[in-house]
């Protein structure tokens, strides 16, 4: 890394006199030994795709230079909306002290993100649905992540109280397998020995604190071979419970279409719609869970099928408006 840093800083390359001052080449060995070390290091750089060239001057002095282009990642192509979304999320973490030891790095990244937006910088306006989505932090989830994250690393069982849709609580003791983020929230995939199978838990439904099981110990279980968090994640979250509707279709407008694609691509069928929107197809959807999700995109969605769910949703909206009147 010291050699790469020196090569990148030198615009016209570096000669042996400069190389002999770099850490790793200044330990008093003979020049021949250090030259062999340099040749070996250059070969290793070339094996990972970095090109170092050597040119010989009039006095026989060799100068080494690195191809800067091969050291840079390709440009990150972001739409104005995606750029603002990243910026807003980053700022919200800085404002609430949620970045921890990464605060300084996050600050630098946000400066680069803003500088890379061109002469117009970041757009002044963004659809309300995206702003609400990007700033919708869940402090309760963040508190749970610390314990669950450590349990995942140490392979220890945890316990917590979990709330159902009917606001009933049950005590759970599980072996964490993975954490995934979907639909703006965090989900825990874990093995529940009482129910003898994998279960998906929404962190926002955990009541109180998450703690280690009283008799838990480091390395007390192993995650099954071949476990795939994406495949194991319950894509039927919208379909659990009585009264679920089948073959549900929801149209989202262009303002939030890219969010839907990011969250559901590969899990559910998504088709393009007029005006840059998309139609999300769900095999099953439990009305209460679906409405909780759609509430984050007020004014940006429409249920187009089935007719019974559409009518039920309209009745709910009319009732809610009547209470506010």
C-alpha atoms as a PDB file:
ATOM      1  CA  UNK A   1       0.000   0.000   0.000  1.00  0.00           C
ATOM      2  CA  UNK A   2       2.892   2.380   0.712  1.00  0.00           C
ATOM      3  CA  UNK A   3       4.247   1.800  -2.784  1.00  0.00           C
ATOM      4  CA  UNK A   4       0.841   2.406  -4.393  1.00  0.00           C
ATOM      5  CA  UNK A   5       0.377   5.591  -2.363  1.00  0.00           C
ATOM      6  CA  UNK A   6       3.773   6.938  -3.430  1.00  0.00           C
ATOM      7  CA  UNK A   7       3.144   6.094  -7.092  1.00  0.00           C
ATOM      8  CA  UNK A   8      -0.251   7.816  -7.053  1.00  0.00           C
ATOM      9  CA  UNK A   9       1.126  10.958  -5.407  1.00  0.00           C
ATOM     10  CA  UNK A  10       3.966  11.312  -7.932  1.00  0.00           C
ATOM     11  CA  UNK A  11       2.665  12.878 -11.150  1.00  0.00           C
ATOM     12  CA  UNK A  12       5.839  12.143 -13.111  1.00  0.00           C
ATOM     13  CA  UNK A  13       6.691   8.793 -11.550  1.00  0.00           C
ATOM     14  CA  UNK A  14       9.335   8.004  -8.930  1.00  0.00           C
ATOM     15  CA  UNK A  15      12.967   7.008  -9.243  1.00  0.00           C
ATOM     16  CA  UNK A  16      15.019   4.691  -7.061  1.00  0.00           C
ATOM     17  CA  UNK A  17      16.136   7.503  -4.787  1.00  0.00           C
ATOM     18  CA  UNK A  18      12.492   8.202  -3.888  1.00  0.00           C
ATOM     19  CA  UNK A  19      11.627   4.511  -3.597  1.00  0.00           C
ATOM     20  CA  UNK A  20      14.430   3.956  -1.077  1.00  0.00           C
ATOM     21  CA  UNK A  21      12.624   6.306   1.356  1.00  0.00           C
ATOM     22  CA  UNK A  22       9.317   4.407   1.267  1.00  0.00           C
ATOM     23  CA  UNK A  23       8.492   2.248   4.280  1.00  0.00           C
ATOM     24  CA  UNK A  24       9.353  -1.316   3.343  1.00  0.00           C
ATOM     25  CA  UNK A  25      12.279  -0.280   1.146  1.00  0.00           C
ATOM     26  CA  UNK A  26      14.268   1.637   3.777  1.00  0.00           C
ATOM     27  CA  UNK A  27      15.432  -1.194   6.023  1.00  0.00           C
ATOM     28  CA  UNK A  28      19.129  -1.102   5.090  1.00  0.00           C
ATOM     29  CA  UNK A  29      19.283  -4.099   2.758  1.00  0.00           C
ATOM     30  CA  UNK A  30      21.486  -4.052  -0.301  1.00  0.00           C
ATOM     31  CA  UNK A  31      20.186  -2.235  -3.344  1.00  0.00           C
ATOM     32  CA  UNK A  32      19.982  -5.497  -5.271  1.00  0.00           C
ATOM     33  CA  UNK A  33      17.814  -7.089  -2.566  1.00  0.00           C
ATOM     34  CA  UNK A  34      15.512  -4.076  -2.481  1.00  0.00           C
ATOM     35  CA  UNK A  35      15.243  -4.058  -6.274  1.00  0.00           C
ATOM     36  CA  UNK A  36      14.152  -7.707  -6.209  1.00  0.00           C
ATOM     37  CA  UNK A  37      11.557  -6.804  -3.585  1.00  0.00           C
ATOM     38  CA  UNK A  38      10.324  -3.970  -5.795  1.00  0.00           C
ATOM     39  CA  UNK A  39      10.091  -6.255  -8.826  1.00  0.00           C
ATOM     40  CA  UNK A  40       8.125  -8.785  -6.791  1.00  0.00           C
ATOM     41  CA  UNK A  41       5.730  -6.112  -5.506  1.00  0.00           C
ATOM     42  CA  UNK A  42       5.195  -4.696  -8.991  1.00  0.00           C
ATOM     43  CA  UNK A  43       4.396  -8.182 -10.281  1.00  0.00           C
ATOM     44  CA  UNK A  44       1.804  -8.640  -7.507  1.00  0.00           C
ATOM     45  CA  UNK A  45       0.212  -5.315  -8.430  1.00  0.00           C
ATOM     46  CA  UNK A  46      -0.008  -6.385 -12.050  1.00  0.00           C
ATOM     47  CA  UNK A  47      -1.643  -9.665 -11.026  1.00  0.00           C
ATOM     48  CA  UNK A  48      -4.526  -7.719  -9.463  1.00  0.00           C
ATOM     49  CA  UNK A  49      -4.940  -5.541 -12.548  1.00  0.00           C
ATOM     50  CA  UNK A  50      -2.763  -2.512 -11.727  1.00  0.00           C
ATOM     51  CA  UNK A  51      -0.250  -1.472 -14.378  1.00  0.00           C
ATOM     52  CA  UNK A  52       3.175  -0.155 -13.325  1.00  0.00           C
ATOM     53  CA  UNK A  53       5.539   0.922 -16.109  1.00  0.00           C
ATOM     54  CA  UNK A  54       9.273   1.591 -15.977  1.00  0.00           C
ATOM     55  CA  UNK A  55      11.063   4.037 -18.272  1.00  0.00           C
ATOM     56  CA  UNK A  56      14.822   4.564 -18.530  1.00  0.00           C
ATOM     57  CA  UNK A  57      16.173   8.108 -18.714  1.00  0.00           C
ATOM     58  CA  UNK A  58      19.221   9.467 -20.523  1.00  0.00           C
ATOM     59  CA  UNK A  59      21.486   8.733 -17.564  1.00  0.00           C
ATOM     60  CA  UNK A  60      20.167   5.198 -17.218  1.00  0.00           C
ATOM     61  CA  UNK A  61      17.927   6.063 -14.266  1.00  0.00           C
ATOM     62  CA  UNK A  62      14.677   4.109 -14.163  1.00  0.00           C
ATOM     63  CA  UNK A  63      11.440   5.870 -13.294  1.00  0.00           C
ATOM     64  CA  UNK A  64       8.309   3.977 -12.230  1.00  0.00           C
ATOM     65  CA  UNK A  65       4.750   5.180 -12.836  1.00  0.00           C
ATOM     66  CA  UNK A  66       1.318   3.678 -12.243  1.00  0.00           C
ATOM     67  CA  UNK A  67      -1.681   3.785 -14.564  1.00  0.00           C
ATOM     68  CA  UNK A  68      -4.072   5.900 -12.481  1.00  0.00           C
ATOM     69  CA  UNK A  69      -7.083   4.897 -14.517  1.00  0.00           C
ATOM     70  CA  UNK A  70      -6.811   1.290 -13.380  1.00  0.00           C
ATOM     71  CA  UNK A  71      -6.784   2.372  -9.735  1.00  0.00           C
ATOM     72  CA  UNK A  72     -10.160   4.080  -9.923  1.00  0.00           C
ATOM     73  CA  UNK A  73     -13.565   2.482  -9.614  1.00  0.00           C
ATOM     74  CA  UNK A  74     -15.980   3.097 -12.488  1.00  0.00           C
ATOM     75  CA  UNK A  75     -18.171   6.151 -12.129  1.00  0.00           C
ATOM     76  CA  UNK A  76     -21.275   5.568 -10.019  1.00  0.00           C
ATOM     77  CA  UNK A  77     -24.242   6.420 -12.211  1.00  0.00           C
ATOM     78  CA  UNK A  78     -26.998   7.818 -10.009  1.00  0.00           C
ATOM     79  CA  UNK A  79     -30.224   9.554 -10.925  1.00  0.00           C
ATOM     80  CA  UNK A  80     -30.890  12.869  -9.129  1.00  0.00           C
ATOM     81  CA  UNK A  81     -33.468  11.078  -6.983  1.00  0.00           C
ATOM     82  CA  UNK A  82     -31.055   8.317  -5.981  1.00  0.00           C
ATOM     83  CA  UNK A  83     -28.351  10.882  -5.199  1.00  0.00           C
ATOM     84  CA  UNK A  84     -30.665  12.862  -2.936  1.00  0.00           C
ATOM     85  CA  UNK A  85     -31.925   9.703  -1.285  1.00  0.00           C
ATOM     86  CA  UNK A  86     -28.376   8.644  -0.390  1.00  0.00           C
ATOM     87  CA  UNK A  87     -27.544  12.139   0.808  1.00  0.00           C
ATOM     88  CA  UNK A  88     -30.647  12.431   2.989  1.00  0.00           C
ATOM     89  CA  UNK A  89     -30.130   9.035   4.572  1.00  0.00           C
ATOM     90  CA  UNK A  90     -26.499   9.866   5.304  1.00  0.00           C
ATOM     91  CA  UNK A  91     -27.348  13.233   6.835  1.00  0.00           C
ATOM     92  CA  UNK A  92     -30.026  11.668   9.029  1.00  0.00           C
ATOM     93  CA  UNK A  93     -27.430   9.271  10.448  1.00  0.00           C
ATOM     94  CA  UNK A  94     -25.018  12.134  11.129  1.00  0.00           C
ATOM     95  CA  UNK A  95     -27.715  14.259  12.774  1.00  0.00           C
ATOM     96  CA  UNK A  96     -28.767  11.458  15.112  1.00  0.00           C
ATOM     97  CA  UNK A  97     -25.278  10.173  15.869  1.00  0.00           C
ATOM     98  CA  UNK A  98     -26.050   6.825  14.287  1.00  0.00           C
ATOM     99  CA  UNK A  99     -22.826   6.539  12.280  1.00  0.00           C
ATOM    100  CA  UNK A 100     -20.643   5.722  15.295  1.00  0.00           C
ATOM    101  CA  UNK A 101     -16.960   5.255  14.390  1.00  0.00           C
ATOM    102  CA  UNK A 102     -17.799   5.787  10.708  1.00  0.00           C
ATOM    103  CA  UNK A 103     -18.906   9.398  11.266  1.00  0.00           C
ATOM    104  CA  UNK A 104     -15.794  10.964   9.721  1.00  0.00           C
ATOM    105  CA  UNK A 105     -15.849   8.622   6.715  1.00  0.00           C
ATOM    106  CA  UNK A 106     -19.569   9.242   6.170  1.00  0.00           C
ATOM    107  CA  UNK A 107     -19.035  13.000   6.285  1.00  0.00           C
ATOM    108  CA  UNK A 108     -16.354  12.787   3.591  1.00  0.00           C
ATOM    109  CA  UNK A 109     -18.543  10.548   1.449  1.00  0.00           C
ATOM    110  CA  UNK A 110     -21.435  13.019   1.644  1.00  0.00           C
ATOM    111  CA  UNK A 111     -19.170  15.872   0.590  1.00  0.00           C
ATOM    112  CA  UNK A 112     -18.068  13.852  -2.451  1.00  0.00           C
ATOM    113  CA  UNK A 113     -21.666  12.899  -3.203  1.00  0.00           C
ATOM    114  CA  UNK A 114     -22.716  16.529  -3.155  1.00  0.00           C
ATOM    115  CA  UNK A 115     -19.693  17.686  -5.162  1.00  0.00           C
ATOM    116  CA  UNK A 116     -20.369  15.051  -7.795  1.00  0.00           C
ATOM    117  CA  UNK A 117     -23.814  16.435  -8.504  1.00  0.00           C
ATOM    118  CA  UNK A 118     -22.499  19.046 -10.935  1.00  0.00           C
ATOM    119  CA  UNK A 119     -23.056  22.793 -11.072  1.00  0.00           C
ATOM    120  CA  UNK A 120     -26.655  22.433  -9.928  1.00  0.00           C
ATOM    121  CA  UNK A 121     -25.587  20.449  -6.843  1.00  0.00           C
ATOM    122  CA  UNK A 122     -28.341  18.418  -5.234  1.00  0.00           C
ATOM    123  CA  UNK A 123     -31.904  19.143  -6.416  1.00  0.00           C
ATOM    124  CA  UNK A 124     -33.873  21.513  -4.194  1.00  0.00           C
ATOM    125  CA  UNK A 125     -37.042  19.482  -4.469  1.00  0.00           C
ATOM    126  CA  UNK A 126     -37.852  15.809  -4.381  1.00  0.00           C
ATOM    127  CA  UNK A 127     -41.197  13.983  -4.342  1.00  0.00           C
ATOM    128  CA  UNK A 128     -42.518  13.903  -0.732  1.00  0.00           C
ATOM    129  CA  UNK A 129     -42.794  10.113  -0.824  1.00  0.00           C
ATOM    130  CA  UNK A 130     -39.048   9.733  -1.328  1.00  0.00           C
ATOM    131  CA  UNK A 131     -38.146  12.290   1.328  1.00  0.00           C
ATOM    132  CA  UNK A 132     -40.429  10.655   3.851  1.00  0.00           C
ATOM    133  CA  UNK A 133     -39.003   7.279   2.926  1.00  0.00           C
ATOM    134  CA  UNK A 134     -35.380   8.354   3.277  1.00  0.00           C
ATOM    135  CA  UNK A 135     -35.853  10.168   6.590  1.00  0.00           C
ATOM    136  CA  UNK A 136     -38.141   7.585   8.169  1.00  0.00           C
ATOM    137  CA  UNK A 137     -35.743   6.322  10.823  1.00  0.00           C
ATOM    138  CA  UNK A 138     -36.777   3.698  13.359  1.00  0.00           C
ATOM    139  CA  UNK A 139     -34.756   4.248  16.559  1.00  0.00           C
ATOM    140  CA  UNK A 140     -36.260   1.109  18.142  1.00  0.00           C
ATOM    141  CA  UNK A 141     -34.844  -1.046  15.345  1.00  0.00           C
ATOM    142  CA  UNK A 142     -31.412   0.530  15.750  1.00  0.00           C
ATOM    143  CA  UNK A 143     -31.352  -0.416  19.448  1.00  0.00           C
ATOM    144  CA  UNK A 144     -32.149  -4.043  18.642  1.00  0.00           C
ATOM    145  CA  UNK A 145     -29.470  -4.286  15.945  1.00  0.00           C
ATOM    146  CA  UNK A 146     -26.598  -4.039  18.433  1.00  0.00           C
ATOM    147  CA  UNK A 147     -27.543  -7.187  20.364  1.00  0.00           C
ATOM    148  CA  UNK A 148     -28.786  -9.141  17.350  1.00  0.00           C
ATOM    149  CA  UNK A 149     -25.654  -8.282  15.364  1.00  0.00           C
ATOM    150  CA  UNK A 150     -23.401  -9.519  18.175  1.00  0.00           C
ATOM    151  CA  UNK A 151     -25.503 -12.676  18.539  1.00  0.00           C
ATOM    152  CA  UNK A 152     -25.047 -13.384  14.833  1.00  0.00           C
ATOM    153  CA  UNK A 153     -21.284 -13.000  15.094  1.00  0.00           C
ATOM    154  CA  UNK A 154     -20.995 -15.142  18.224  1.00  0.00           C
ATOM    155  CA  UNK A 155     -23.694 -17.685  17.268  1.00  0.00           C
ATOM    156  CA  UNK A 156     -25.676 -17.154  20.478  1.00  0.00           C
ATOM    157  CA  UNK A 157     -29.408 -17.514  21.085  1.00  0.00           C
ATOM    158  CA  UNK A 158     -31.472 -14.462  21.965  1.00  0.00           C
ATOM    159  CA  UNK A 159     -34.896 -13.849  23.476  1.00  0.00           C
ATOM    160  CA  UNK A 160     -37.457 -11.071  23.151  1.00  0.00           C
ATOM    161  CA  UNK A 161     -41.160 -10.282  23.288  1.00  0.00           C
ATOM    162  CA  UNK A 162     -42.778 -10.199  19.863  1.00  0.00           C
ATOM    163  CA  UNK A 163     -46.023  -8.415  19.033  1.00  0.00           C
ATOM    164  CA  UNK A 164     -48.592  -9.918  16.678  1.00  0.00           C
ATOM    165  CA  UNK A 165     -50.926  -8.036  14.368  1.00  0.00           C
ATOM    166  CA  UNK A 166     -53.594  -8.291  17.067  1.00  0.00           C
ATOM    167  CA  UNK A 167     -51.193  -6.563  19.483  1.00  0.00           C
ATOM    168  CA  UNK A 168     -50.716  -9.750  21.462  1.00  0.00           C
ATOM    169  CA  UNK A 169     -47.201 -10.477  22.724  1.00  0.00           C
ATOM    170  CA  UNK A 170     -45.395 -13.801  22.885  1.00  0.00           C
ATOM    171  CA  UNK A 171     -42.002 -14.667  24.337  1.00  0.00           C
ATOM    172  CA  UNK A 172     -39.563 -15.915  21.685  1.00  0.00           C
ATOM    173  CA  UNK A 173     -36.185 -17.580  22.076  1.00  0.00           C
ATOM    174  CA  UNK A 174     -34.430 -18.108  18.745  1.00  0.00           C
ATOM    175  CA  UNK A 175     -31.084 -18.765  17.050  1.00  0.00           C
ATOM    176  CA  UNK A 176     -30.335 -15.848  14.659  1.00  0.00           C
ATOM    177  CA  UNK A 177     -29.378 -16.831  11.109  1.00  0.00           C
ATOM    178  CA  UNK A 178     -29.374 -13.510   9.235  1.00  0.00           C
ATOM    179  CA  UNK A 179     -30.548  -9.900   9.092  1.00  0.00           C
ATOM    180  CA  UNK A 180     -32.136  -8.516   5.945  1.00  0.00           C
ATOM    181  CA  UNK A 181     -33.604  -5.138   5.108  1.00  0.00           C
ATOM    182  CA  UNK A 182     -36.823  -4.890   3.147  1.00  0.00           C
ATOM    183  CA  UNK A 183     -39.567  -2.329   2.695  1.00  0.00           C
ATOM    184  CA  UNK A 184     -37.689   0.275   4.706  1.00  0.00           C
ATOM    185  CA  UNK A 185     -37.308  -1.963   7.764  1.00  0.00           C
ATOM    186  CA  UNK A 186     -35.108  -4.664   9.271  1.00  0.00           C
ATOM    187  CA  UNK A 187     -36.048  -8.335   9.515  1.00  0.00           C
ATOM    188  CA  UNK A 188     -34.431 -11.162  11.474  1.00  0.00           C
ATOM    189  CA  UNK A 189     -34.370 -14.679  10.047  1.00  0.00           C
ATOM    190  CA  UNK A 190     -33.933 -17.149  12.887  1.00  0.00           C
ATOM    191  CA  UNK A 191     -34.592 -20.731  13.903  1.00  0.00           C
ATOM    192  CA  UNK A 192     -37.427 -21.021  16.415  1.00  0.00           C
ATOM    193  CA  UNK A 193     -37.056 -24.351  18.300  1.00  0.00           C
ATOM    194  CA  UNK A 194     -40.536 -24.082  19.799  1.00  0.00           C
ATOM    195  CA  UNK A 195     -42.071 -23.914  16.320  1.00  0.00           C
ATOM    196  CA  UNK A 196     -39.407 -26.209  14.852  1.00  0.00           C
ATOM    197  CA  UNK A 197     -38.550 -24.085  11.847  1.00  0.00           C
ATOM    198  CA  UNK A 198     -37.157 -20.849  10.453  1.00  0.00           C
ATOM    199  CA  UNK A 199     -39.189 -17.735  11.121  1.00  0.00           C
ATOM    200  CA  UNK A 200     -38.966 -14.131   9.938  1.00  0.00           C
ATOM    201  CA  UNK A 201     -39.322 -11.409  12.583  1.00  0.00           C
ATOM    202  CA  UNK A 202     -39.887  -7.733  11.909  1.00  0.00           C
ATOM    203  CA  UNK A 203     -37.647  -5.767  14.273  1.00  0.00           C
ATOM    204  CA  UNK A 204     -40.190  -2.965  14.687  1.00  0.00           C
ATOM    205  CA  UNK A 205     -42.546  -5.496  16.299  1.00  0.00           C
ATOM    206  CA  UNK A 206     -40.089  -6.487  19.004  1.00  0.00           C
ATOM    207  CA  UNK A 207     -41.281  -5.132  22.341  1.00  0.00           C
ATOM    208  CA  UNK A 208     -38.848  -4.085  25.043  1.00  0.00           C
ATOM    209  CA  UNK A 209     -35.231  -5.188  24.895  1.00  0.00           C
ATOM    210  CA  UNK A 210     -33.504  -8.010  23.073  1.00  0.00           C
ATOM    211  CA  UNK A 211     -31.222 -10.030  25.347  1.00  0.00           C
ATOM    212  CA  UNK A 212     -29.106 -13.157  25.191  1.00  0.00           C
ATOM    213  CA  UNK A 213     -30.799 -16.342  26.356  1.00  0.00           C
ATOM    214  CA  UNK A 214     -29.824 -17.045  30.016  1.00  0.00           C
ATOM    215  CA  UNK A 215     -27.914 -20.223  29.172  1.00  0.00           C
ATOM    216  CA  UNK A 216     -26.537 -19.067  25.817  1.00  0.00           C
ATOM    217  CA  UNK A 217     -22.861 -19.448  25.004  1.00  0.00           C
ATOM    218  CA  UNK A 218     -20.553 -18.497  22.146  1.00  0.00           C
ATOM    219  CA  UNK A 219     -20.682 -20.911  19.217  1.00  0.00           C
ATOM    220  CA  UNK A 220     -23.639 -22.892  20.542  1.00  0.00           C
ATOM    221  CA  UNK A 221     -25.153 -23.503  17.098  1.00  0.00           C
ATOM    222  CA  UNK A 222     -24.206 -23.552  13.434  1.00  0.00           C
ATOM    223  CA  UNK A 223     -26.088 -22.028  10.534  1.00  0.00           C
ATOM    224  CA  UNK A 224     -27.142 -24.854   8.183  1.00  0.00           C
ATOM    225  CA  UNK A 225     -24.965 -25.432   5.129  1.00  0.00           C
ATOM    226  CA  UNK A 226     -26.497 -23.872   2.048  1.00  0.00           C
ATOM    227  CA  UNK A 227     -28.557 -21.358   4.024  1.00  0.00           C
ATOM    228  CA  UNK A 228     -29.530 -18.429   1.781  1.00  0.00           C
ATOM    229  CA  UNK A 229     -30.916 -15.371   3.546  1.00  0.00           C
ATOM    230  CA  UNK A 230     -32.590 -14.047   0.409  1.00  0.00           C
ATOM    231  CA  UNK A 231     -34.316 -17.339  -0.275  1.00  0.00           C
ATOM    232  CA  UNK A 232     -35.206 -17.970   3.363  1.00  0.00           C
ATOM    233  CA  UNK A 233     -36.659 -14.495   3.878  1.00  0.00           C
ATOM    234  CA  UNK A 234     -40.414 -14.865   4.068  1.00  0.00           C
ATOM    235  CA  UNK A 235     -41.662 -13.201   0.910  1.00  0.00           C
ATOM    236  CA  UNK A 236     -45.159 -13.992   2.176  1.00  0.00           C
ATOM    237  CA  UNK A 237     -45.006 -11.199   4.786  1.00  0.00           C
ATOM    238  CA  UNK A 238     -47.949  -9.495   3.078  1.00  0.00           C
ATOM    239  CA  UNK A 239     -49.911 -12.726   2.880  1.00  0.00           C
ATOM    240  CA  UNK A 240     -49.946 -14.010   6.466  1.00  0.00           C
ATOM    241  CA  UNK A 241     -53.155 -14.046   8.484  1.00  0.00           C
ATOM    242  CA  UNK A 242     -56.846 -14.534   7.865  1.00  0.00           C
ATOM    243  CA  UNK A 243     -58.617 -12.677   5.087  1.00  0.00           C
ATOM    244  CA  UNK A 244     -55.678 -12.538   2.700  1.00  0.00           C
ATOM    245  CA  UNK A 245     -56.405 -11.623  -0.923  1.00  0.00           C
ATOM    246  CA  UNK A 246     -54.875 -13.472  -3.860  1.00  0.00           C
ATOM    247  CA  UNK A 247     -53.415 -12.136  -7.117  1.00  0.00           C
ATOM    248  CA  UNK A 248     -53.029  -8.573  -5.854  1.00  0.00           C
ATOM    249  CA  UNK A 249     -51.821  -5.831  -8.193  1.00  0.00           C
ATOM    250  CA  UNK A 250     -50.680  -2.408  -6.997  1.00  0.00           C
ATOM    251  CA  UNK A 251     -49.625   0.393  -9.332  1.00  0.00           C
ATOM    252  CA  UNK A 252     -46.938   2.835  -8.136  1.00  0.00           C
ATOM    253  CA  UNK A 253     -46.135   6.093  -9.918  1.00  0.00           C
ATOM    254  CA  UNK A 254     -42.743   7.148 -11.267  1.00  0.00           C
ATOM    255  CA  UNK A 255     -41.813   9.046  -8.087  1.00  0.00           C
ATOM    256  CA  UNK A 256     -41.422   5.846  -6.069  1.00  0.00           C
ATOM    257  CA  UNK A 257     -41.057   3.204  -8.785  1.00  0.00           C
ATOM    258  CA  UNK A 258     -37.319   2.742  -8.272  1.00  0.00           C
ATOM    259  CA  UNK A 259     -37.865   2.061  -4.555  1.00  0.00           C
ATOM    260  CA  UNK A 260     -40.353  -0.701  -5.350  1.00  0.00           C
ATOM    261  CA  UNK A 261     -37.952  -2.217  -7.880  1.00  0.00           C
ATOM    262  CA  UNK A 262     -35.081  -2.153  -5.386  1.00  0.00           C
ATOM    263  CA  UNK A 263     -37.120  -3.790  -2.632  1.00  0.00           C
ATOM    264  CA  UNK A 264     -39.053  -6.437  -4.534  1.00  0.00           C
ATOM    265  CA  UNK A 265     -36.973  -7.322  -7.589  1.00  0.00           C
ATOM    266  CA  UNK A 266     -36.443 -11.072  -7.561  1.00  0.00           C
ATOM    267  CA  UNK A 267     -39.143 -11.628  -4.939  1.00  0.00           C
ATOM    268  CA  UNK A 268     -42.269 -10.600  -6.818  1.00  0.00           C
ATOM    269  CA  UNK A 269     -43.173  -9.874 -10.414  1.00  0.00           C
ATOM    270  CA  UNK A 270     -42.849  -6.218 -11.400  1.00  0.00           C
ATOM    271  CA  UNK A 271     -44.090  -4.807 -14.696  1.00  0.00           C
ATOM    272  CA  UNK A 272     -43.570  -1.334 -16.181  1.00  0.00           C
ATOM    273  CA  UNK A 273     -46.579   0.985 -16.203  1.00  0.00           C
ATOM    274  CA  UNK A 274     -47.446   4.154 -18.083  1.00  0.00           C
ATOM    275  CA  UNK A 275     -45.583   7.312 -17.142  1.00  0.00           C
ATOM    276  CA  UNK A 276     -42.554   5.549 -15.692  1.00  0.00           C
ATOM    277  CA  UNK A 277     -44.453   3.747 -12.953  1.00  0.00           C
ATOM    278  CA  UNK A 278     -44.559   0.041 -12.131  1.00  0.00           C
ATOM    279  CA  UNK A 279     -47.151  -2.574 -11.212  1.00  0.00           C
ATOM    280  CA  UNK A 280     -46.272  -4.880  -8.321  1.00  0.00           C
ATOM    281  CA  UNK A 281     -47.825  -8.364  -8.417  1.00  0.00           C
ATOM    282  CA  UNK A 282     -48.342 -10.187  -5.103  1.00  0.00           C
ATOM    283  CA  UNK A 283     -49.562 -13.766  -4.948  1.00  0.00           C
ATOM    284  CA  UNK A 284     -51.157 -13.028  -1.585  1.00  0.00           C
ATOM    285  CA  UNK A 285     -51.633  -9.904   0.507  1.00  0.00           C
ATOM    286  CA  UNK A 286     -53.096  -9.484   3.958  1.00  0.00           C
ATOM    287  CA  UNK A 287     -54.929  -6.108   3.877  1.00  0.00           C
ATOM    288  CA  UNK A 288     -53.683  -4.770   7.207  1.00  0.00           C
ATOM    289  CA  UNK A 289     -50.008  -5.453   6.422  1.00  0.00           C
ATOM    290  CA  UNK A 290     -50.341  -4.150   2.880  1.00  0.00           C
ATOM    291  CA  UNK A 291     -51.946  -0.904   4.042  1.00  0.00           C
ATOM    292  CA  UNK A 292     -49.219  -0.347   6.622  1.00  0.00           C
ATOM    293  CA  UNK A 293     -46.675  -0.517   3.841  1.00  0.00           C
ATOM    294  CA  UNK A 294     -48.627   1.592   1.355  1.00  0.00           C
ATOM    295  CA  UNK A 295     -49.064   4.248   4.023  1.00  0.00           C
ATOM    296  CA  UNK A 296     -45.416   5.178   3.508  1.00  0.00           C
ATOM    297  CA  UNK A 297     -46.222   6.222  -0.079  1.00  0.00           C
ATOM    298  CA  UNK A 298     -49.405   8.242   0.376  1.00  0.00           C
ATOM    299  CA  UNK A 299     -50.564   9.613  -2.965  1.00  0.00           C
ATOM    300  CA  UNK A 300     -48.225   7.435  -5.021  1.00  0.00           C
ATOM    301  CA  UNK A 301     -50.115   4.129  -5.347  1.00  0.00           C
ATOM    302  CA  UNK A 302     -53.365   2.583  -6.523  1.00  0.00           C
ATOM    303  CA  UNK A 303     -54.751  -0.914  -5.969  1.00  0.00           C
ATOM    304  CA  UNK A 304     -55.953  -2.188  -9.331  1.00  0.00           C
ATOM    305  CA  UNK A 305     -56.803  -5.805  -8.436  1.00  0.00           C
ATOM    306  CA  UNK A 306     -58.648  -7.614  -7.065  1.00  0.00           C
ATOM    307  CA  UNK A 307     -61.809  -5.522  -7.092  1.00  0.00           C
ATOM    308  CA  UNK A 308     -62.847  -6.618  -3.590  1.00  0.00           C
ATOM    309  CA  UNK A 309     -59.554  -5.398  -2.071  1.00  0.00           C
ATOM    310  CA  UNK A 310     -59.817  -2.126  -3.961  1.00  0.00           C
ATOM    311  CA  UNK A 311     -63.342  -1.550  -2.617  1.00  0.00           C
ATOM    312  CA  UNK A 312     -62.316  -2.507   0.917  1.00  0.00           C
ATOM    313  CA  UNK A 313     -59.419  -0.057   0.759  1.00  0.00           C
ATOM    314  CA  UNK A 314     -61.698   2.738  -0.475  1.00  0.00           C
ATOM    315  CA  UNK A 315     -64.084   2.055   2.406  1.00  0.00           C
ATOM    316  CA  UNK A 316     -61.220   2.257   4.890  1.00  0.00           C
ATOM    317  CA  UNK A 317     -60.047   5.554   3.409  1.00  0.00           C
ATOM    318  CA  UNK A 318     -63.555   7.048   3.440  1.00  0.00           C
ATOM    319  CA  UNK A 319     -64.048   5.960   7.050  1.00  0.00           C
ATOM    320  CA  UNK A 320     -60.714   7.466   8.082  1.00  0.00           C
ATOM    321  CA  UNK A 321     -61.509  10.747   6.325  1.00  0.00           C
ATOM    322  CA  UNK A 322     -64.919  10.812   8.013  1.00  0.00           C
ATOM    323  CA  UNK A 323     -63.282  10.592  11.426  1.00  0.00           C
ATOM    324  CA  UNK A 324     -61.008  13.502  10.575  1.00  0.00           C
ATOM    325  CA  UNK A 325     -63.859  15.686   9.303  1.00  0.00           C
END
